[in-house]
Amino acid sequence: MKQTDETDKLIIPFKKTNKDATLPIISKKGDAGADARISGFKQIVNENGKKELIELDTDTYMLKPLERIGCPLGFATAIPEGYYFKVVPRSGLALWEGISIVNSPGTIDSGYRNEWMAIVVNLSNKEVQLKKGDRICQIILGKLHEYEITEKNELPDSDRGLGGFGSTGKN
């Protein structure tokens, strides 16, 4: 059963995992996404064939071209069953800086209770400075639809038929 307030809005509890963190903010009424901010940096290290994330003790990070870094967001959630969140890039950062989210959209399931993290990549050809408190991604609430996968020997026809990827967008 989902909790709602008097305006019938879905109430989703957020918990700060870092005292200095800022919870996501919806900028304008009607916006689909809420901006989330960097709360820290976790670097990927590979020692003796074992990969792990190491928390960096810094307020800024220079992200090199094609490098990726974990950016903890400073909060955890209790998403109601039947819903999930998507972690997606911010369009301005993507356009102007070449910053994106590697596994876009990142999916946060209702059962997840740990701190959220954006996996950020620099797709530009120059270094980009990231700072704690920067808006790094958006989070978008989605409704889960129950579905069932069934195997069939044949599929119904369609106008596109067996046209491959890009078959409808040839110049």
Protein backbone atom coordinates (compact mmCIF):
# COMPACT_ATOMS: atom_id res chain seq x y z
CA MET A 1 0.00 0.00 0.00
CA LYS A 2 1.45 3.35 -1.00
CA GLN A 3 1.43 6.36 1.25
CA THR A 4 0.11 9.63 -0.15
CA ASP A 5 -0.49 13.09 1.28
CA GLU A 6 -3.65 15.22 1.04
CA THR A 7 -2.84 16.16 -2.60
CA ASP A 8 -2.61 12.45 -3.53
CA LYS A 9 1.12 12.73 -4.24
CA LEU A 10 3.19 9.62 -3.74
CA ILE A 11 5.37 10.03 -0.63
CA ILE A 12 8.87 8.57 -0.98
CA PRO A 13 11.12 8.61 2.09
CA PHE A 14 14.70 9.77 1.52
CA LYS A 15 17.43 9.45 4.14
CA LYS A 16 20.68 11.41 4.02
CA THR A 17 23.71 9.13 4.21
CA ASN A 18 26.03 12.12 4.48
CA LYS A 19 25.23 15.08 6.78
CA ASP A 20 26.39 17.57 4.13
CA ALA A 21 24.30 16.02 1.35
CA THR A 22 21.47 17.83 -0.42
CA LEU A 23 18.36 15.84 -1.25
CA PRO A 24 17.24 15.91 -4.91
CA ILE A 25 15.19 18.93 -5.94
CA ILE A 26 12.56 19.26 -8.65
CA SER A 27 13.37 22.64 -10.20
CA LYS A 28 10.02 23.53 -11.77
CA LYS A 29 6.49 22.23 -11.34
CA GLY A 30 5.86 19.61 -13.99
CA ASP A 31 9.52 18.62 -14.43
CA ALA A 32 9.99 14.86 -14.83
CA GLY A 33 13.37 14.76 -13.10
CA ALA A 34 14.82 15.99 -9.85
CA ASP A 35 18.46 17.12 -9.84
CA ALA A 36 20.81 15.11 -7.63
CA ARG A 37 24.17 16.42 -6.44
CA ILE A 38 27.63 14.96 -5.93
CA SER A 39 28.30 14.00 -2.32
CA GLY A 40 31.73 12.42 -2.86
CA PHE A 41 33.95 10.50 -5.24
CA LYS A 42 34.73 6.78 -5.51
CA GLN A 43 37.57 5.79 -7.81
CA ILE A 44 37.82 2.42 -9.49
CA VAL A 45 41.10 0.67 -8.66
CA ASN A 46 42.40 -2.63 -9.98
CA GLU A 47 44.96 -4.27 -7.71
CA ASN A 48 46.16 -7.80 -8.36
CA GLY A 49 43.24 -8.42 -10.70
CA LYS A 50 40.69 -7.37 -8.09
CA LYS A 51 38.54 -4.32 -8.84
CA GLU A 52 37.12 -2.19 -6.05
CA LEU A 53 35.91 1.31 -5.28
CA ILE A 54 38.02 3.56 -3.07
CA GLU A 55 36.49 6.64 -1.43
CA LEU A 56 38.55 9.73 -2.26
CA ASP A 57 39.12 12.44 0.37
CA THR A 58 38.67 15.46 -1.89
CA ASP A 59 36.09 18.13 -2.69
CA THR A 60 36.97 18.24 -6.40
CA TYR A 61 37.97 15.71 -9.04
CA MET A 62 39.44 16.26 -12.52
CA LEU A 63 37.77 13.67 -14.74
CA LYS A 64 39.98 12.79 -17.71
CA PRO A 65 38.60 12.03 -21.19
CA LEU A 66 36.91 8.60 -21.29
CA GLU A 67 37.48 8.14 -17.54
CA ARG A 68 34.63 7.14 -15.26
CA ILE A 69 34.12 7.73 -11.56
CA GLY A 70 31.50 6.84 -8.97
CA CYS A 71 29.74 9.89 -7.56
CA PRO A 72 27.83 9.00 -4.37
CA LEU A 73 24.68 11.12 -4.10
CA GLY A 74 24.41 11.24 -0.30
CA PHE A 75 21.01 9.61 0.16
CA ALA A 76 19.15 6.32 0.33
CA THR A 77 15.44 5.69 -0.29
CA ALA A 78 12.53 3.42 0.44
CA ILE A 79 10.76 3.37 -2.92
CA PRO A 80 7.23 1.96 -2.71
CA GLU A 81 6.70 -1.44 -4.30
CA GLY A 82 5.52 -1.08 -7.88
CA TYR A 83 7.83 1.89 -8.57
CA TYR A 84 11.50 2.45 -9.40
CA PHE A 85 13.80 5.37 -10.14
CA LYS A 86 15.96 6.00 -13.22
CA VAL A 87 19.28 7.84 -12.85
CA VAL A 88 19.85 9.78 -16.09
CA PRO A 89 22.29 12.41 -17.40
CA ARG A 90 21.58 16.12 -17.19
CA SER A 91 21.19 17.45 -20.73
CA GLY A 92 23.28 20.60 -20.15
CA LEU A 93 26.25 18.62 -18.82
CA ALA A 94 25.96 16.20 -21.71
CA LEU A 95 25.82 18.95 -24.34
CA TRP A 96 28.35 21.43 -22.98
CA GLU A 97 30.80 19.20 -21.09
CA GLY A 98 30.38 15.71 -22.57
CA ILE A 99 29.47 14.28 -19.16
CA SER A 100 27.10 11.31 -19.11
CA ILE A 101 25.96 8.42 -16.94
CA VAL A 102 27.57 5.14 -18.04
CA ASN A 103 24.68 2.78 -17.36
CA SER A 104 22.00 5.24 -18.40
CA PRO A 105 19.46 4.87 -17.23
CA GLY A 106 20.70 3.50 -13.96
CA THR A 107 17.84 1.66 -12.28
CA ILE A 108 17.08 1.86 -8.56
CA ASP A 109 14.65 -0.90 -7.53
CA SER A 110 12.14 -0.60 -4.69
CA GLY A 111 14.07 -3.02 -2.46
CA TYR A 112 17.37 -1.08 -2.63
CA ARG A 113 18.22 0.68 0.65
CA ASN A 114 21.88 1.62 0.25
CA GLU A 115 23.31 4.99 -0.84
CA TRP A 116 22.67 5.93 -4.45
CA MET A 117 25.61 6.55 -6.77
CA ALA A 118 25.89 7.93 -10.30
CA ILE A 119 28.52 6.28 -12.50
CA VAL A 120 29.83 9.29 -14.40
CA VAL A 121 31.89 9.25 -17.63
CA ASN A 122 33.67 12.03 -19.51
CA LEU A 123 32.95 11.58 -23.22
CA SER A 124 34.71 14.81 -24.21
CA ASN A 125 38.32 15.27 -25.29
CA LYS A 126 39.20 17.55 -22.36
CA GLU A 127 39.38 17.18 -18.59
CA VAL A 128 36.28 18.27 -16.69
CA GLN A 129 36.32 19.40 -13.07
CA LEU A 130 33.65 17.91 -10.82
CA LYS A 131 32.93 19.35 -7.37
CA LYS A 132 30.99 18.16 -4.37
CA GLY A 133 27.61 19.83 -4.50
CA ASP A 134 27.50 19.96 -8.32
CA ARG A 135 24.25 18.82 -9.93
CA ILE A 136 25.43 15.66 -11.70
CA CYS A 137 22.32 13.73 -12.76
CA GLN A 138 18.55 13.61 -12.62
CA ILE A 139 16.37 11.02 -10.98
CA ILE A 140 13.05 10.13 -12.60
CA LEU A 141 10.33 8.06 -10.93
CA GLY A 142 8.86 5.25 -13.01
CA LYS A 143 5.92 2.92 -12.48
CA LEU A 144 6.59 -0.76 -12.81
CA HIS A 145 4.28 -2.71 -15.09
CA GLU A 146 3.88 -6.40 -14.42
CA TYR A 147 4.66 -8.53 -17.45
CA GLU A 148 5.34 -12.11 -18.33
CA ILE A 149 7.83 -13.44 -20.85
CA THR A 150 6.57 -16.33 -22.97
CA GLU A 151 8.41 -18.16 -25.70
CA LYS A 152 6.73 -18.38 -29.12
CA ASN A 153 7.84 -20.05 -32.35
CA GLU A 154 6.38 -17.21 -34.47
CA LEU A 155 5.68 -13.52 -33.89
CA PRO A 156 2.87 -11.47 -35.43
CA ASP A 157 3.78 -9.42 -38.54
CA SER A 158 4.39 -5.66 -38.40
CA ASP A 159 4.92 -2.88 -40.94
CA ARG A 160 8.65 -2.84 -40.18
CA GLY A 161 8.95 -6.61 -40.37
CA LEU A 162 12.51 -7.85 -40.04
CA GLY A 163 14.12 -4.45 -40.77
CA GLY A 164 17.24 -4.10 -38.65
CA PHE A 165 18.57 -1.35 -36.42
CA GLY A 166 18.46 1.97 -38.25
CA SER A 167 16.33 0.57 -41.08
CA THR A 168 13.73 3.36 -40.72
CA GLY A 169 16.17 6.26 -40.48
CA LYS A 170 18.23 6.05 -43.69
CA ASN A 171 19.04 9.43 -45.25
